[in-house]
Amino acid sequence: MKLKSLAAVAVVSAMAAGNANANLLFDIYAGATAGFGGATWFADEHESYTAQSYGAVLGIDIPFVRGELEYNYLTSDDAKVHVVMANVYAKMPMPLVKPYLGAGIGMTVGGDYGDLDAENGMAYQGMLGVTFDLPIVPFNIDVEGRALYANHVFKLPGDYANLVQYDARVKLRYVF
């Protein structure tokens, strides 16, 4: 009888404890992203392609604001671009589903398009989405729409190619 009581107390305690950082004012997290959408290259002509994005994030989450560092790998047909961003999100502190609005600034740090190498140009992005805060488990899922503008990504003869990438993205974040 004592063993069953001890097991019941252990299970209830583990469920009530939830996340180890539940009593702190902030959470540190790491995660991965994947998205699908389109890309438009602006130079002499406008060319649009389907595009995918993959990335990794590391951030801090406090009650009304979230900040993160993000790496993105953007690919569309023959073009590939690596982008590093610093993002800030304003969020609504609701229990399970948290809407948010975000903005980011960064730069392209490499990539290629055929025989052209990417330049180190500035990049800006805006995000609108919702976070699903999973109870008990230390994971959050973000679903968002995102638009990214990168300036002077590839140097063309007499001009630069600029990028606008827009996609729907899913982010899985592990909260430490």
Protein backbone atom coordinates (compact mmCIF):
# COMPACT_ATOMS: atom_id res chain seq x y z
CA MET A 1 0.00 0.00 0.00
CA LYS A 2 2.82 2.42 0.81
CA LEU A 3 4.47 1.89 -2.60
CA LYS A 4 1.22 2.79 -4.44
CA SER A 5 0.80 5.92 -2.32
CA LEU A 6 4.39 6.98 -2.96
CA ALA A 7 3.95 6.43 -6.71
CA ALA A 8 0.73 8.46 -6.75
CA VAL A 9 2.41 11.35 -4.89
CA ALA A 10 5.36 11.26 -7.33
CA VAL A 11 3.09 11.37 -10.41
CA VAL A 12 0.95 14.21 -9.03
CA SER A 13 4.08 16.16 -8.03
CA ALA A 14 5.63 15.76 -11.48
CA MET A 15 2.43 16.91 -13.21
CA ALA A 16 2.06 19.92 -10.92
CA ALA A 17 5.70 20.94 -11.33
CA GLY A 18 5.42 21.31 -15.12
CA ASN A 19 8.33 23.23 -16.59
CA ALA A 20 11.42 23.59 -14.43
CA ASN A 21 11.50 27.35 -15.14
CA ALA A 22 7.82 27.97 -14.36
CA ASN A 23 8.63 30.21 -11.38
CA LEU A 24 11.19 32.38 -13.22
CA LEU A 25 10.35 35.67 -14.89
CA PHE A 26 11.82 34.53 -18.20
CA ASP A 27 12.38 31.37 -20.24
CA ILE A 28 15.37 30.55 -22.44
CA TYR A 29 14.55 28.52 -25.57
CA ALA A 30 16.06 26.99 -28.70
CA GLY A 31 14.16 25.84 -31.74
CA ALA A 32 13.87 25.06 -35.42
CA THR A 33 11.74 26.57 -38.19
CA ALA A 34 10.43 25.49 -41.58
CA GLY A 35 8.39 27.50 -44.06
CA PHE A 36 6.97 27.53 -47.55
CA GLY A 37 5.98 30.48 -49.71
CA GLY A 38 7.33 32.61 -52.50
CA ALA A 39 10.28 34.81 -53.38
CA THR A 40 10.54 37.75 -55.74
CA TRP A 41 13.89 38.99 -57.02
CA PHE A 42 13.98 42.68 -57.96
CA ALA A 43 16.61 43.83 -60.44
CA ASP A 44 16.09 44.92 -64.06
CA GLU A 45 13.13 42.53 -64.14
CA HIS A 46 10.96 41.04 -61.40
CA GLU A 47 11.17 37.27 -61.16
CA SER A 48 8.99 35.25 -58.76
CA TYR A 49 9.59 31.70 -57.57
CA THR A 50 8.27 29.26 -54.99
CA ALA A 51 10.54 29.25 -51.97
CA GLN A 52 11.32 27.32 -48.82
CA SER A 53 12.97 28.43 -45.61
CA TYR A 54 14.67 26.51 -42.82
CA GLY A 55 16.22 27.90 -39.69
CA ALA A 56 17.30 27.76 -36.07
CA VAL A 57 16.53 30.14 -33.19
CA LEU A 58 17.84 30.90 -29.72
CA GLY A 59 15.89 33.30 -27.55
CA ILE A 60 14.49 34.62 -24.30
CA ASP A 61 10.77 34.80 -23.51
CA ILE A 62 9.44 37.22 -20.89
CA PRO A 63 5.74 37.93 -20.18
CA PHE A 64 4.98 40.58 -22.85
CA VAL A 65 8.09 40.47 -25.07
CA ARG A 66 10.22 37.82 -26.72
CA GLY A 67 13.66 38.34 -28.26
CA GLU A 68 15.66 35.91 -30.36
CA LEU A 69 18.64 35.39 -32.61
CA GLU A 70 17.76 33.53 -35.79
CA TYR A 71 19.57 31.83 -38.65
CA ASN A 72 17.63 31.29 -41.91
CA TYR A 73 18.47 29.28 -44.99
CA LEU A 74 16.29 30.56 -47.85
CA THR A 75 16.09 28.68 -51.10
CA SER A 76 14.15 29.30 -54.31
CA ASP A 77 14.87 27.40 -57.52
CA ASP A 78 18.57 28.13 -58.19
CA ALA A 79 19.13 30.79 -55.49
CA LYS A 80 20.26 30.05 -51.95
CA VAL A 81 20.74 32.72 -49.26
CA HIS A 82 21.88 32.55 -45.63
CA VAL A 83 20.42 35.25 -43.34
CA VAL A 84 21.17 36.07 -39.68
CA MET A 85 18.51 38.11 -37.82
CA ALA A 86 17.79 39.64 -34.41
CA ASN A 87 14.02 39.58 -33.76
CA VAL A 88 11.72 41.20 -31.19
CA TYR A 89 8.12 40.09 -30.64
CA ALA A 90 5.26 41.80 -28.77
CA LYS A 91 2.81 39.18 -27.53
CA MET A 92 -0.53 38.96 -25.80
CA PRO A 93 -0.16 37.13 -22.47
CA MET A 94 -3.02 34.64 -22.82
CA PRO A 95 -3.02 31.12 -21.28
CA LEU A 96 -2.71 28.63 -24.18
CA VAL A 97 -2.84 30.58 -27.46
CA LYS A 98 -0.76 33.78 -27.62
CA PRO A 99 -1.00 36.07 -30.68
CA TYR A 100 2.12 38.10 -31.48
CA LEU A 101 3.56 40.73 -33.80
CA GLY A 102 7.30 40.78 -34.55
CA ALA A 103 10.04 42.60 -36.41
CA GLY A 104 13.63 41.73 -37.18
CA ILE A 105 16.82 43.24 -38.56
CA GLY A 106 19.91 41.45 -39.79
CA MET A 107 21.98 40.71 -42.84
CA THR A 108 22.67 38.18 -45.55
CA VAL A 109 25.88 36.28 -44.81
CA GLY A 110 26.32 34.08 -47.88
CA GLY A 111 24.63 32.15 -50.60
CA ASP A 112 24.78 31.68 -54.34
CA TYR A 113 22.80 32.03 -57.53
CA GLY A 114 24.44 30.10 -60.36
CA ASP A 115 27.98 31.50 -60.53
CA LEU A 116 27.16 34.58 -58.40
CA ASP A 117 28.01 34.71 -54.68
CA ALA A 118 25.77 36.60 -52.27
CA GLU A 119 26.83 39.99 -50.94
CA ASN A 120 26.53 40.99 -47.26
CA GLY A 121 23.40 43.14 -47.49
CA MET A 122 20.94 44.34 -44.86
CA ALA A 123 17.75 42.35 -44.24
CA TYR A 124 14.48 43.30 -42.54
CA GLN A 125 11.42 41.21 -41.70
CA GLY A 126 7.97 41.39 -40.16
CA MET A 127 6.05 38.53 -38.55
CA LEU A 128 2.45 37.96 -37.44
CA GLY A 129 1.46 34.73 -35.72
CA VAL A 130 0.22 32.73 -32.76
CA THR A 131 2.04 30.63 -30.18
CA PHE A 132 0.50 27.42 -28.91
CA ASP A 133 1.81 26.94 -25.37
CA LEU A 134 1.66 23.19 -24.73
CA PRO A 135 0.76 22.41 -21.12
CA ILE A 136 3.12 20.26 -19.02
CA VAL A 137 5.65 19.59 -21.84
CA PRO A 138 8.44 22.16 -22.39
CA PHE A 139 7.58 22.86 -26.05
CA ASN A 140 5.89 25.79 -27.79
CA ILE A 141 4.67 25.80 -31.39
CA ASP A 142 4.57 29.06 -33.37
CA VAL A 143 2.58 29.39 -36.60
CA GLU A 144 3.25 32.63 -38.45
CA GLY A 145 3.20 34.58 -41.65
CA ARG A 146 6.45 36.32 -42.48
CA ALA A 147 7.78 38.80 -45.03
CA LEU A 148 11.53 39.39 -45.45
CA TYR A 149 13.28 42.06 -47.51
CA ALA A 150 17.02 41.74 -48.24
CA ASN A 151 18.85 44.58 -49.96
CA HIS A 152 21.70 44.06 -52.48
CA VAL A 153 21.83 40.27 -52.20
CA PHE A 154 23.56 39.57 -55.54
CA LYS A 155 25.67 41.93 -57.65
CA LEU A 156 24.56 41.85 -61.25
CA PRO A 157 26.21 43.69 -64.15
CA GLY A 158 25.26 47.32 -63.51
CA ASP A 159 22.70 46.55 -60.75
CA TYR A 160 21.97 44.62 -57.56
CA ALA A 161 19.30 41.99 -57.04
CA ASN A 162 17.06 42.59 -54.00
CA LEU A 163 14.91 39.86 -52.43
CA VAL A 164 11.39 39.84 -51.00
CA GLN A 165 10.50 36.47 -49.48
CA TYR A 166 7.09 35.77 -47.94
CA ASP A 167 6.12 32.50 -46.34
CA ALA A 168 3.99 30.63 -43.85
CA ARG A 169 6.23 29.20 -41.18
CA VAL A 170 6.08 26.73 -38.30
CA LYS A 171 8.51 27.02 -35.40
CA LEU A 172 9.03 24.39 -32.70
CA ARG A 173 10.70 25.82 -29.58
CA TYR A 174 12.11 23.82 -26.66
CA VAL A 175 11.95 25.80 -23.40
CA PHE A 176 14.84 25.06 -21.05
